N, C-alpha and C. Protein backbone atom coordinates (compact mmCIF):
# COMPACT_ATOMS: atom_id res chain seq x y z
N MET A 1 0.44 -18.01 -10.07
CA MET A 1 0.87 -18.91 -9.09
C MET A 1 1.10 -20.26 -9.79
N LYS A 2 2.22 -20.87 -9.44
CA LYS A 2 2.62 -22.19 -9.99
C LYS A 2 1.85 -23.23 -9.23
N THR A 3 1.21 -24.14 -9.96
CA THR A 3 0.38 -25.18 -9.32
C THR A 3 1.03 -26.57 -9.38
N THR A 4 2.15 -26.73 -9.94
CA THR A 4 2.81 -28.02 -10.20
C THR A 4 3.08 -28.66 -8.77
N GLN A 5 3.67 -27.96 -7.81
CA GLN A 5 4.07 -28.46 -6.56
C GLN A 5 2.76 -29.09 -5.82
N TYR A 6 1.59 -28.34 -6.03
CA TYR A 6 0.45 -28.82 -5.37
C TYR A 6 -0.18 -30.05 -6.04
N THR A 7 -0.17 -30.09 -7.39
CA THR A 7 -0.72 -31.30 -8.03
C THR A 7 0.16 -32.41 -7.84
N SER A 8 1.39 -32.27 -7.54
CA SER A 8 2.28 -33.38 -7.36
C SER A 8 1.90 -33.97 -6.02
N ILE A 9 1.65 -33.27 -4.98
CA ILE A 9 1.19 -33.79 -3.69
C ILE A 9 -0.16 -34.38 -3.79
N GLU A 10 -1.08 -33.76 -4.68
CA GLU A 10 -2.32 -34.30 -4.84
C GLU A 10 -2.28 -35.58 -5.49
N ASN A 11 -1.45 -35.87 -6.41
CA ASN A 11 -1.25 -37.07 -7.02
C ASN A 11 -0.89 -38.14 -5.98
N LYS A 12 0.05 -37.85 -5.11
CA LYS A 12 0.47 -38.77 -4.15
C LYS A 12 -0.61 -39.21 -3.23
N ILE A 13 -1.50 -38.33 -2.88
CA ILE A 13 -2.69 -38.53 -2.04
C ILE A 13 -3.63 -39.39 -2.75
N ALA A 14 -3.92 -39.07 -4.00
CA ALA A 14 -4.95 -39.83 -4.82
C ALA A 14 -4.40 -41.22 -5.14
N ASN A 15 -3.06 -41.44 -5.30
CA ASN A 15 -2.64 -42.70 -5.85
C ASN A 15 -2.11 -43.59 -4.74
N GLY A 16 -1.94 -42.99 -3.54
CA GLY A 16 -1.45 -43.84 -2.44
C GLY A 16 -2.50 -43.93 -1.36
N ASP A 17 -2.04 -43.65 -0.08
CA ASP A 17 -2.95 -43.68 1.06
C ASP A 17 -3.83 -42.47 1.04
N THR A 18 -5.11 -42.56 0.73
CA THR A 18 -5.95 -41.38 0.59
C THR A 18 -6.18 -40.81 1.98
N ASN A 19 -5.82 -41.44 3.03
CA ASN A 19 -6.02 -40.84 4.34
C ASN A 19 -4.64 -40.32 4.92
N SER A 20 -3.75 -40.06 4.01
CA SER A 20 -2.45 -39.55 4.38
C SER A 20 -2.54 -38.19 5.09
N ILE A 21 -2.03 -38.11 6.34
CA ILE A 21 -2.14 -36.86 7.10
C ILE A 21 -0.97 -35.90 6.67
N ARG A 22 0.19 -36.47 6.59
CA ARG A 22 1.38 -35.69 6.43
C ARG A 22 1.20 -34.99 4.97
N ASP A 23 0.92 -35.69 4.02
CA ASP A 23 0.82 -35.11 2.68
C ASP A 23 -0.12 -33.95 2.61
N ARG A 24 -1.28 -34.09 3.25
CA ARG A 24 -2.20 -33.02 3.38
C ARG A 24 -1.67 -31.73 4.18
N TRP A 25 -1.08 -32.15 5.21
CA TRP A 25 -0.36 -31.08 6.00
C TRP A 25 0.62 -30.41 5.19
N LEU A 26 1.46 -31.13 4.41
CA LEU A 26 2.45 -30.56 3.58
C LEU A 26 1.84 -29.55 2.50
N TYR A 27 0.77 -29.90 1.91
CA TYR A 27 0.07 -29.19 0.97
C TYR A 27 -0.36 -27.92 1.68
N GLY A 28 -0.94 -27.90 2.81
CA GLY A 28 -1.29 -26.66 3.50
C GLY A 28 -0.11 -25.78 3.80
N LEU A 29 0.88 -26.40 4.29
CA LEU A 29 2.12 -25.72 4.65
C LEU A 29 2.70 -24.98 3.46
N ARG A 30 2.68 -25.64 2.37
CA ARG A 30 3.20 -24.96 1.11
C ARG A 30 2.40 -23.71 0.76
N LEU A 31 1.05 -23.86 0.90
CA LEU A 31 0.20 -22.68 0.54
C LEU A 31 0.65 -21.50 1.51
N LEU A 32 0.73 -21.80 2.87
CA LEU A 32 1.05 -20.73 3.77
C LEU A 32 2.42 -20.11 3.51
N ARG A 33 3.30 -20.84 2.95
CA ARG A 33 4.66 -20.26 2.68
C ARG A 33 4.80 -19.77 1.24
N ASP A 34 3.71 -19.79 0.49
CA ASP A 34 3.80 -19.37 -0.92
C ASP A 34 3.20 -17.89 -0.98
N PRO A 35 3.98 -16.88 -1.17
CA PRO A 35 3.57 -15.51 -1.21
C PRO A 35 2.63 -15.21 -2.29
N GLN A 36 2.63 -16.01 -3.39
CA GLN A 36 1.76 -15.82 -4.50
C GLN A 36 0.36 -16.44 -4.23
N ALA A 37 0.37 -17.39 -3.26
CA ALA A 37 -0.95 -17.99 -2.88
C ALA A 37 -1.64 -17.40 -1.72
N THR A 38 -0.86 -16.90 -0.79
CA THR A 38 -1.44 -16.34 0.53
C THR A 38 -1.27 -14.89 0.58
N THR A 39 -2.23 -14.20 1.17
CA THR A 39 -2.12 -12.72 1.27
C THR A 39 -0.89 -12.41 2.28
N ASP A 40 -0.50 -11.08 2.24
CA ASP A 40 0.68 -10.67 2.99
C ASP A 40 0.38 -10.93 4.42
N SER A 41 -0.85 -10.74 4.89
CA SER A 41 -1.20 -10.88 6.31
C SER A 41 -1.16 -12.45 6.62
N GLY A 42 -1.22 -13.27 5.67
CA GLY A 42 -1.40 -14.76 5.93
C GLY A 42 -2.63 -15.14 6.40
N ALA A 43 -3.58 -14.28 6.48
CA ALA A 43 -4.93 -14.65 6.92
C ALA A 43 -5.80 -15.46 5.98
N SER A 44 -5.52 -15.35 4.73
CA SER A 44 -6.31 -16.07 3.68
C SER A 44 -5.62 -16.32 2.36
N LEU A 45 -6.18 -17.08 1.54
CA LEU A 45 -5.67 -17.28 0.17
C LEU A 45 -5.93 -16.09 -0.75
N ARG A 46 -5.12 -15.79 -1.68
CA ARG A 46 -5.37 -14.67 -2.54
C ARG A 46 -6.58 -15.03 -3.51
N HIS A 47 -7.16 -13.97 -4.02
CA HIS A 47 -8.29 -14.25 -4.98
C HIS A 47 -7.95 -15.10 -6.12
N GLY A 48 -8.86 -16.09 -6.29
CA GLY A 48 -8.57 -16.99 -7.43
C GLY A 48 -7.70 -18.15 -7.19
N VAL A 49 -6.97 -18.25 -6.05
CA VAL A 49 -6.03 -19.33 -5.82
C VAL A 49 -6.75 -20.65 -5.69
N THR A 50 -7.83 -20.68 -4.81
CA THR A 50 -8.70 -21.89 -4.70
C THR A 50 -9.15 -22.44 -5.99
N GLU A 51 -9.63 -21.64 -6.87
CA GLU A 51 -10.21 -22.11 -8.13
C GLU A 51 -9.09 -22.66 -8.97
N LYS A 52 -7.88 -22.02 -8.96
CA LYS A 52 -6.77 -22.52 -9.67
C LYS A 52 -6.33 -24.04 -9.13
N LEU A 53 -6.35 -24.13 -7.89
CA LEU A 53 -5.98 -25.40 -7.37
C LEU A 53 -6.95 -26.45 -7.69
N ILE A 54 -8.31 -26.17 -7.58
CA ILE A 54 -9.28 -27.16 -7.83
C ILE A 54 -9.23 -27.52 -9.37
N ALA A 55 -8.95 -26.60 -10.28
CA ALA A 55 -8.89 -26.73 -11.64
C ALA A 55 -7.65 -27.60 -12.04
N ALA A 56 -6.51 -27.32 -11.39
CA ALA A 56 -5.32 -28.10 -11.59
C ALA A 56 -5.47 -29.58 -11.26
N ALA A 57 -6.19 -29.80 -10.10
CA ALA A 57 -6.41 -31.23 -9.69
C ALA A 57 -7.39 -31.89 -10.63
N ALA A 58 -8.36 -31.11 -11.18
CA ALA A 58 -9.39 -31.70 -12.02
C ALA A 58 -8.74 -32.15 -13.35
N LYS A 59 -7.72 -31.44 -13.81
CA LYS A 59 -6.98 -31.84 -15.01
C LYS A 59 -6.28 -33.17 -14.79
N ARG A 60 -6.01 -33.53 -13.61
CA ARG A 60 -5.50 -34.90 -13.32
C ARG A 60 -6.53 -35.92 -13.02
N GLY A 61 -7.79 -35.51 -13.07
CA GLY A 61 -8.89 -36.39 -12.85
C GLY A 61 -9.12 -36.64 -11.29
N ILE A 62 -8.68 -35.54 -10.49
CA ILE A 62 -8.85 -35.59 -9.11
C ILE A 62 -9.91 -34.52 -8.73
N LYS A 63 -10.77 -34.95 -7.79
CA LYS A 63 -11.81 -34.02 -7.28
C LYS A 63 -11.26 -33.46 -5.93
N LEU A 64 -11.17 -32.06 -5.88
CA LEU A 64 -10.63 -31.35 -4.81
C LEU A 64 -11.63 -30.27 -4.58
N HIS A 65 -12.03 -30.11 -3.22
CA HIS A 65 -13.02 -29.10 -2.82
C HIS A 65 -12.42 -28.06 -1.95
N GLU A 66 -13.04 -26.87 -1.90
CA GLU A 66 -12.58 -25.73 -1.13
C GLU A 66 -12.53 -26.11 0.33
N ARG A 67 -13.45 -26.83 0.83
CA ARG A 67 -13.39 -27.21 2.22
C ARG A 67 -12.22 -27.99 2.60
N GLU A 68 -11.87 -28.95 1.72
CA GLU A 68 -10.68 -29.73 1.91
C GLU A 68 -9.35 -28.92 1.86
N ILE A 69 -9.34 -27.86 1.07
CA ILE A 69 -8.23 -27.07 0.98
C ILE A 69 -8.05 -26.28 2.34
N GLN A 70 -9.16 -25.82 2.79
CA GLN A 70 -9.12 -25.03 4.08
C GLN A 70 -8.73 -25.80 5.20
N ARG A 71 -9.12 -27.16 5.23
CA ARG A 71 -8.77 -28.03 6.33
C ARG A 71 -7.28 -28.38 6.23
N ARG A 72 -6.69 -28.41 5.10
CA ARG A 72 -5.28 -28.58 5.01
C ARG A 72 -4.53 -27.33 5.50
N ILE A 73 -5.03 -26.21 5.25
CA ILE A 73 -4.42 -24.94 5.71
C ILE A 73 -4.49 -24.88 7.18
N LYS A 74 -5.67 -25.29 7.75
CA LYS A 74 -5.84 -25.32 9.20
C LYS A 74 -4.88 -26.28 9.84
N CYS A 75 -4.70 -27.37 9.25
CA CYS A 75 -3.79 -28.38 9.81
C CYS A 75 -2.39 -27.78 9.76
N ALA A 76 -1.88 -27.14 8.80
CA ALA A 76 -0.67 -26.52 8.78
C ALA A 76 -0.46 -25.41 9.77
N ARG A 77 -1.50 -24.60 9.97
CA ARG A 77 -1.40 -23.62 10.95
C ARG A 77 -1.37 -24.16 12.38
N THR A 78 -2.11 -25.18 12.63
CA THR A 78 -2.17 -25.75 13.92
C THR A 78 -0.73 -26.44 14.24
N TYR A 79 -0.16 -27.06 13.20
CA TYR A 79 1.07 -27.77 13.48
C TYR A 79 2.21 -27.21 12.60
N PRO A 80 2.77 -26.10 12.95
CA PRO A 80 3.88 -25.51 12.16
C PRO A 80 5.15 -26.15 12.28
N THR A 81 5.28 -27.11 13.09
CA THR A 81 6.57 -27.77 13.33
C THR A 81 6.49 -29.29 12.96
N GLU A 82 7.72 -29.90 12.63
CA GLU A 82 7.88 -31.32 12.37
C GLU A 82 7.27 -32.12 13.63
N ALA A 83 7.64 -31.71 14.79
CA ALA A 83 7.43 -32.40 16.05
C ALA A 83 5.85 -32.55 16.21
N GLN A 84 5.18 -31.48 15.95
CA GLN A 84 3.69 -31.44 16.06
C GLN A 84 3.00 -32.28 15.20
N ILE A 85 3.49 -32.37 13.80
CA ILE A 85 2.71 -33.16 12.89
C ILE A 85 3.08 -34.68 13.07
N ARG A 86 4.24 -34.94 13.71
CA ARG A 86 4.54 -36.26 14.09
C ARG A 86 3.65 -36.78 15.23
N HIS A 87 3.33 -35.88 16.08
CA HIS A 87 2.36 -36.19 17.26
C HIS A 87 0.97 -36.48 16.65
N ALA A 88 0.57 -35.72 15.69
CA ALA A 88 -0.74 -35.92 15.12
C ALA A 88 -0.84 -37.24 14.33
N VAL A 89 0.25 -37.53 13.53
CA VAL A 89 0.32 -38.79 12.82
C VAL A 89 0.34 -40.04 13.68
N SER A 90 0.97 -39.87 14.82
CA SER A 90 1.03 -40.97 15.75
C SER A 90 -0.30 -41.18 16.50
N ASP A 91 -1.12 -40.06 16.81
CA ASP A 91 -2.36 -40.27 17.51
C ASP A 91 -3.51 -40.53 16.69
N PHE A 92 -3.49 -40.30 15.36
CA PHE A 92 -4.63 -40.42 14.55
C PHE A 92 -4.29 -41.37 13.35
N ALA A 93 -5.05 -42.39 13.12
CA ALA A 93 -4.84 -43.33 12.05
C ALA A 93 -5.09 -42.68 10.67
N THR A 94 -6.11 -41.87 10.57
CA THR A 94 -6.49 -41.33 9.30
C THR A 94 -6.65 -39.90 9.28
N TRP A 95 -6.64 -39.24 8.15
CA TRP A 95 -6.95 -37.85 8.02
C TRP A 95 -8.27 -37.42 8.50
N HIS A 96 -9.31 -38.27 8.24
CA HIS A 96 -10.69 -37.95 8.58
C HIS A 96 -10.85 -38.06 10.16
N ASP A 97 -10.00 -38.90 10.81
CA ASP A 97 -10.05 -38.99 12.29
C ASP A 97 -9.53 -37.66 12.84
N LEU A 98 -8.48 -37.22 12.22
CA LEU A 98 -7.86 -35.91 12.70
C LEU A 98 -8.86 -34.68 12.38
N VAL A 99 -9.47 -34.77 11.33
CA VAL A 99 -10.48 -33.72 11.07
C VAL A 99 -11.67 -33.75 11.96
N ASP A 100 -12.16 -34.94 12.27
CA ASP A 100 -13.25 -35.15 13.14
C ASP A 100 -12.91 -34.65 14.61
N ALA A 101 -11.48 -34.82 14.93
CA ALA A 101 -11.14 -34.35 16.26
C ALA A 101 -10.92 -32.89 16.35
N GLY A 102 -10.93 -32.23 15.29
CA GLY A 102 -10.74 -30.75 15.30
C GLY A 102 -9.42 -30.30 15.40
N PHE A 103 -8.47 -31.09 15.07
CA PHE A 103 -6.99 -30.72 14.96
C PHE A 103 -6.51 -30.27 16.36
N PRO A 104 -6.50 -31.18 17.28
CA PRO A 104 -6.04 -30.76 18.65
C PRO A 104 -4.64 -30.38 18.60
N THR A 105 -4.28 -29.35 19.59
CA THR A 105 -2.96 -28.81 19.55
C THR A 105 -1.99 -29.82 20.31
N TYR A 106 -0.76 -29.49 20.09
CA TYR A 106 0.36 -30.19 20.76
C TYR A 106 1.36 -29.13 21.24
N PRO A 107 2.04 -29.34 22.42
CA PRO A 107 3.01 -28.35 22.74
C PRO A 107 4.24 -28.45 21.91
N VAL A 108 4.94 -27.37 21.89
CA VAL A 108 6.16 -27.30 21.13
C VAL A 108 7.21 -26.50 21.87
N SER A 109 8.45 -27.00 21.83
CA SER A 109 9.59 -26.32 22.55
C SER A 109 9.83 -25.05 21.84
N ALA A 110 10.41 -24.07 22.66
CA ALA A 110 10.71 -22.78 22.12
C ALA A 110 11.72 -22.76 21.10
N ASP A 111 12.66 -23.72 21.09
CA ASP A 111 13.76 -23.83 20.10
C ASP A 111 13.43 -24.66 18.87
N GLU A 112 12.22 -25.16 18.88
CA GLU A 112 11.85 -26.03 17.65
C GLU A 112 11.56 -25.07 16.44
N PRO A 113 12.28 -25.31 15.39
CA PRO A 113 12.17 -24.45 14.22
C PRO A 113 10.87 -24.81 13.43
N SER A 114 10.35 -23.89 12.64
CA SER A 114 9.14 -24.02 11.84
C SER A 114 9.52 -25.06 10.71
N ALA A 115 8.62 -25.88 10.28
CA ALA A 115 8.91 -26.89 9.31
C ALA A 115 9.19 -26.36 7.95
N ASP A 116 10.01 -26.98 7.18
CA ASP A 116 10.40 -26.58 5.86
C ASP A 116 9.55 -27.47 4.88
N SER A 117 8.67 -26.80 4.13
CA SER A 117 7.75 -27.54 3.26
C SER A 117 8.43 -28.06 1.97
N ARG A 118 9.77 -27.77 1.75
CA ARG A 118 10.46 -28.13 0.57
C ARG A 118 11.05 -29.58 0.81
N THR A 119 11.20 -30.28 -0.27
CA THR A 119 11.87 -31.61 -0.27
C THR A 119 13.29 -31.33 -0.27
N PRO A 120 14.15 -32.30 -0.02
CA PRO A 120 15.69 -32.10 -0.12
C PRO A 120 15.99 -31.63 -1.50
N ALA A 121 15.44 -32.31 -2.51
CA ALA A 121 15.68 -31.89 -3.89
C ALA A 121 15.36 -30.51 -4.18
N GLU A 122 14.31 -30.00 -3.57
CA GLU A 122 13.85 -28.62 -3.82
C GLU A 122 14.72 -27.62 -3.10
N ARG A 123 15.11 -28.02 -1.95
CA ARG A 123 16.15 -27.14 -1.22
C ARG A 123 17.46 -26.99 -1.95
N GLN A 124 17.95 -28.18 -2.56
CA GLN A 124 19.08 -28.10 -3.37
C GLN A 124 18.96 -27.19 -4.66
N ARG A 125 17.73 -27.33 -5.27
CA ARG A 125 17.42 -26.56 -6.49
C ARG A 125 17.37 -25.12 -6.10
N ASP A 126 16.69 -24.76 -4.92
CA ASP A 126 16.69 -23.34 -4.56
C ASP A 126 18.11 -22.71 -4.24
N ALA A 127 18.87 -23.51 -3.61
CA ALA A 127 20.22 -23.10 -3.32
C ALA A 127 21.02 -22.84 -4.55
N ALA A 128 20.83 -23.68 -5.64
CA ALA A 128 21.56 -23.51 -6.84
C ALA A 128 20.89 -22.17 -7.63
N ARG A 129 19.66 -22.08 -7.52
CA ARG A 129 19.02 -20.78 -8.19
C ARG A 129 19.54 -19.64 -7.45
N ARG A 130 19.69 -19.60 -6.17
CA ARG A 130 20.20 -18.37 -5.53
C ARG A 130 21.64 -18.15 -5.95
N MET A 131 22.40 -19.13 -6.16
CA MET A 131 23.81 -18.90 -6.54
C MET A 131 23.74 -18.33 -8.04
N LEU A 132 22.96 -18.93 -8.79
CA LEU A 132 22.82 -18.44 -10.22
C LEU A 132 22.45 -16.97 -10.32
N ASP A 133 21.39 -16.65 -9.51
CA ASP A 133 20.95 -15.24 -9.49
C ASP A 133 21.99 -14.36 -8.88
N ALA A 134 22.82 -14.77 -7.89
CA ALA A 134 23.80 -13.98 -7.27
C ALA A 134 24.95 -13.69 -8.30
N THR A 135 25.33 -14.65 -9.11
CA THR A 135 26.34 -14.53 -10.09
C THR A 135 25.90 -14.13 -11.44
N GLU A 136 24.65 -13.85 -11.64
CA GLU A 136 24.04 -13.34 -12.81
C GLU A 136 24.41 -14.29 -14.06
N LEU A 137 24.44 -15.63 -13.80
CA LEU A 137 24.66 -16.55 -14.86
C LEU A 137 23.41 -16.95 -15.61
N THR A 138 22.30 -16.61 -15.13
CA THR A 138 21.04 -16.96 -15.71
C THR A 138 20.54 -15.90 -16.61
N LEU A 139 19.95 -16.15 -17.70
CA LEU A 139 19.38 -15.11 -18.58
C LEU A 139 17.90 -14.84 -18.22
N PHE A 140 17.28 -15.76 -17.56
CA PHE A 140 15.93 -15.62 -17.19
C PHE A 140 15.71 -15.74 -15.66
N PRO A 141 14.95 -14.88 -14.99
CA PRO A 141 14.79 -14.98 -13.54
C PRO A 141 13.98 -16.22 -13.11
N LEU A 142 14.58 -17.11 -12.46
CA LEU A 142 14.00 -18.44 -12.09
C LEU A 142 12.81 -18.18 -11.07
N ASP A 143 12.79 -17.07 -10.37
CA ASP A 143 11.68 -16.83 -9.48
C ASP A 143 10.39 -16.42 -10.18
N LYS A 144 10.57 -16.09 -11.52
CA LYS A 144 9.36 -15.67 -12.27
C LYS A 144 9.05 -16.70 -13.34
N LEU A 145 10.04 -17.42 -13.78
CA LEU A 145 9.81 -18.38 -14.86
C LEU A 145 10.25 -19.75 -14.36
N GLU A 146 9.36 -20.57 -14.05
CA GLU A 146 9.50 -21.92 -13.60
C GLU A 146 9.85 -22.82 -14.73
N PRO A 147 11.03 -23.46 -14.78
CA PRO A 147 11.35 -24.28 -15.97
C PRO A 147 10.39 -25.44 -16.28
N THR A 148 9.72 -25.96 -15.24
CA THR A 148 8.75 -27.05 -15.54
C THR A 148 7.39 -26.57 -16.05
N GLU A 149 7.19 -25.17 -15.95
CA GLU A 149 5.86 -24.70 -16.41
C GLU A 149 6.05 -23.64 -17.50
N ALA A 150 7.07 -22.83 -17.51
CA ALA A 150 7.20 -21.86 -18.45
C ALA A 150 7.48 -22.32 -19.88
N THR A 151 6.82 -21.83 -20.95
CA THR A 151 6.96 -22.23 -22.31
C THR A 151 7.99 -21.36 -22.95
N VAL A 152 8.36 -21.83 -24.19
CA VAL A 152 9.29 -20.93 -25.00
C VAL A 152 8.60 -19.61 -25.33
N GLU A 153 7.30 -19.63 -25.51
CA GLU A 153 6.63 -18.43 -25.73
C GLU A 153 6.71 -17.43 -24.50
N ASP A 154 6.72 -17.96 -23.30
CA ASP A 154 6.88 -17.22 -22.02
C ASP A 154 8.30 -16.56 -22.04
N LEU A 155 9.20 -17.28 -22.50
CA LEU A 155 10.63 -16.84 -22.58
C LEU A 155 10.74 -15.67 -23.58
N GLU A 156 10.07 -15.86 -24.73
CA GLU A 156 10.06 -14.88 -25.84
C GLU A 156 9.35 -13.59 -25.36
N THR A 157 8.27 -13.71 -24.66
CA THR A 157 7.63 -12.51 -24.10
C THR A 157 8.43 -11.79 -23.13
N TYR A 158 9.11 -12.55 -22.21
CA TYR A 158 9.91 -11.91 -21.24
C TYR A 158 11.10 -11.17 -21.88
N ALA A 159 11.68 -11.77 -22.92
CA ALA A 159 12.84 -11.17 -23.62
C ALA A 159 12.39 -9.95 -24.42
N LYS A 160 11.26 -9.94 -24.97
CA LYS A 160 10.80 -8.75 -25.55
C LYS A 160 10.47 -7.59 -24.61
N GLU A 161 9.91 -7.92 -23.41
CA GLU A 161 9.66 -6.85 -22.36
C GLU A 161 11.02 -6.33 -21.92
N GLN A 162 12.01 -7.22 -21.79
CA GLN A 162 13.33 -6.70 -21.40
C GLN A 162 14.01 -5.81 -22.48
N ASP A 163 13.76 -6.15 -23.69
CA ASP A 163 14.39 -5.38 -24.76
C ASP A 163 13.71 -4.00 -24.78
N GLU A 164 12.45 -3.93 -24.50
CA GLU A 164 11.76 -2.56 -24.49
C GLU A 164 12.29 -1.71 -23.27
N ILE A 165 12.53 -2.36 -22.18
CA ILE A 165 13.09 -1.72 -21.00
C ILE A 165 14.45 -1.24 -21.22
N THR A 166 15.27 -2.11 -21.97
CA THR A 166 16.67 -1.81 -22.26
C THR A 166 16.80 -0.67 -23.22
N GLU A 167 15.81 -0.56 -24.19
CA GLU A 167 15.76 0.46 -25.12
C GLU A 167 15.35 1.82 -24.52
N ARG A 168 14.46 1.81 -23.57
CA ARG A 168 14.06 3.01 -22.80
C ARG A 168 15.34 3.57 -22.03
N PHE A 169 16.07 2.65 -21.38
CA PHE A 169 17.20 3.09 -20.64
C PHE A 169 18.33 3.53 -21.58
N ALA A 170 18.49 2.92 -22.74
CA ALA A 170 19.45 3.46 -23.71
C ALA A 170 19.10 4.81 -24.22
N ASP A 171 17.82 5.00 -24.46
CA ASP A 171 17.38 6.27 -24.94
C ASP A 171 17.66 7.42 -23.89
N ALA A 172 17.33 7.02 -22.68
CA ALA A 172 17.52 7.99 -21.58
C ALA A 172 19.06 8.27 -21.39
N GLY A 173 19.83 7.20 -21.67
CA GLY A 173 21.32 7.43 -21.55
C GLY A 173 21.78 8.30 -22.68
N ARG A 174 21.28 8.18 -23.87
CA ARG A 174 21.70 9.01 -25.02
C ARG A 174 21.38 10.48 -24.72
N ARG A 175 20.07 10.69 -24.16
CA ARG A 175 19.70 12.08 -23.93
C ARG A 175 20.48 12.70 -22.78
N ARG A 176 20.88 11.88 -21.82
CA ARG A 176 21.76 12.42 -20.74
C ARG A 176 23.06 12.88 -21.30
N TRP A 177 23.69 12.17 -22.11
CA TRP A 177 25.03 12.55 -22.73
C TRP A 177 24.87 13.76 -23.62
N GLU A 178 23.75 13.83 -24.34
CA GLU A 178 23.52 15.00 -25.15
C GLU A 178 23.40 16.24 -24.36
N TYR A 179 22.70 16.08 -23.19
CA TYR A 179 22.58 17.23 -22.31
C TYR A 179 23.91 17.58 -21.73
N ILE A 180 24.72 16.64 -21.15
CA ILE A 180 26.01 16.91 -20.62
C ILE A 180 26.87 17.58 -21.62
N ASN A 181 26.93 17.17 -22.82
CA ASN A 181 27.87 17.68 -23.89
C ASN A 181 27.50 19.12 -24.20
N ARG A 182 26.16 19.41 -24.07
CA ARG A 182 25.66 20.77 -24.33
C ARG A 182 26.14 21.75 -23.22
N LEU A 183 26.10 21.12 -21.97
CA LEU A 183 26.53 21.98 -20.81
C LEU A 183 28.08 22.14 -21.00
N LYS A 184 28.85 21.21 -21.34
CA LYS A 184 30.28 21.35 -21.44
C LYS A 184 30.66 22.35 -22.57
N THR A 185 29.88 22.34 -23.58
CA THR A 185 30.11 23.30 -24.69
C THR A 185 29.82 24.75 -24.23
N ALA A 186 28.75 24.84 -23.42
CA ALA A 186 28.33 26.19 -23.01
C ALA A 186 29.42 26.87 -21.94
N VAL A 187 30.15 26.02 -21.29
CA VAL A 187 31.10 26.43 -20.29
C VAL A 187 32.60 26.26 -20.82
N ASP A 188 32.71 25.98 -22.09
CA ASP A 188 34.04 25.81 -22.58
C ASP A 188 34.78 24.61 -22.13
N GLY A 189 34.08 23.59 -21.72
CA GLY A 189 34.68 22.40 -21.24
C GLY A 189 35.13 22.48 -19.75
N ASP A 190 34.75 23.51 -19.00
CA ASP A 190 35.17 23.62 -17.65
C ASP A 190 34.21 22.74 -16.78
N CYS A 191 34.61 21.58 -16.45
CA CYS A 191 33.83 20.61 -15.82
C CYS A 191 33.69 20.95 -14.24
N THR A 192 34.38 21.97 -13.76
CA THR A 192 34.30 22.32 -12.30
C THR A 192 33.10 23.19 -12.16
N THR A 193 32.43 23.66 -13.22
CA THR A 193 31.31 24.61 -13.19
C THR A 193 30.13 23.75 -12.59
N THR A 194 29.32 24.48 -11.76
CA THR A 194 28.15 23.82 -11.04
C THR A 194 27.10 23.53 -12.19
N TRP A 195 26.34 22.53 -11.83
CA TRP A 195 25.25 22.14 -12.75
C TRP A 195 24.30 23.29 -13.05
N GLU A 196 23.97 24.02 -11.98
CA GLU A 196 22.99 25.21 -12.21
C GLU A 196 23.61 26.19 -13.16
N ASP A 197 24.88 26.58 -12.90
CA ASP A 197 25.57 27.64 -13.74
C ASP A 197 25.72 27.14 -15.13
N ALA A 198 26.10 25.96 -15.38
CA ALA A 198 26.28 25.35 -16.75
C ALA A 198 24.91 25.35 -17.49
N HIS A 199 23.93 24.93 -16.71
CA HIS A 199 22.55 24.86 -17.36
C HIS A 199 22.08 26.28 -17.83
N ARG A 200 22.19 27.15 -16.95
CA ARG A 200 21.85 28.59 -17.35
C ARG A 200 22.75 29.11 -18.53
N ALA A 201 23.99 28.76 -18.55
CA ALA A 201 24.87 29.15 -19.67
C ALA A 201 24.33 28.59 -20.89
N ALA A 202 23.83 27.32 -20.82
CA ALA A 202 23.39 26.66 -22.07
C ALA A 202 22.03 27.03 -22.51
N PHE A 203 21.10 27.28 -21.53
CA PHE A 203 19.68 27.40 -21.83
C PHE A 203 19.19 28.90 -21.53
N GLY A 204 20.03 29.69 -20.94
CA GLY A 204 19.56 31.09 -20.68
C GLY A 204 19.52 31.28 -19.16
N PRO A 205 19.70 32.54 -18.80
CA PRO A 205 19.71 32.88 -17.31
C PRO A 205 18.39 32.58 -16.61
N GLY A 206 17.31 32.60 -17.21
CA GLY A 206 16.05 32.42 -16.58
C GLY A 206 15.69 30.94 -16.44
N ASP A 207 16.43 30.10 -17.01
CA ASP A 207 16.17 28.62 -16.92
C ASP A 207 16.81 28.01 -15.65
N ASN A 208 16.23 26.92 -15.20
CA ASN A 208 16.67 26.19 -14.00
C ASN A 208 16.73 24.72 -14.22
N PRO A 209 17.76 23.98 -13.89
CA PRO A 209 17.86 22.57 -14.20
C PRO A 209 16.77 21.74 -13.43
N ALA A 210 16.32 22.22 -12.33
CA ALA A 210 15.38 21.43 -11.48
C ALA A 210 13.92 21.53 -12.07
């Protein structure tokens, strides 16, 4: 799981208004939208995610606790839309006031879309990445290798893995053509012969291609 996006928000909270409601809500919203962070059911964080988030914050000299992470997730679950979080920010002066109030609910219209946790720059970046993936212009999958976190060593490891996969496919391709050529030889080049008949002609009447 990539932690950069979370530590970036954590820095904003630590260096700015430490009672910022919206930033903490955004943190929780990102976790709920992150398939690498949250289980498929959406009920809880995946094993080890909390520890990674706490450790990432600690590297920046910021103390983050499991209870605080759970509060942020609860905030995001309670207020899945922009309209709802705006109500909360308007009604409560500080994050601690909102926590003490137990995250009261606010009505939401049926046509109100779920909030997008990405910044405009991130939405633009993701759109560009989808275009690159669609046109196969990128050598490395951006959904697996985040440029701001992946190292040259990570790229090298990925390239080696792909080379091994390519070699296996190439070997399978060679063996397929060797097999086809043997079948063609056995039936004197008559490519209208069925696979089963050609196989038996090449390997014997008791053999079966399946």
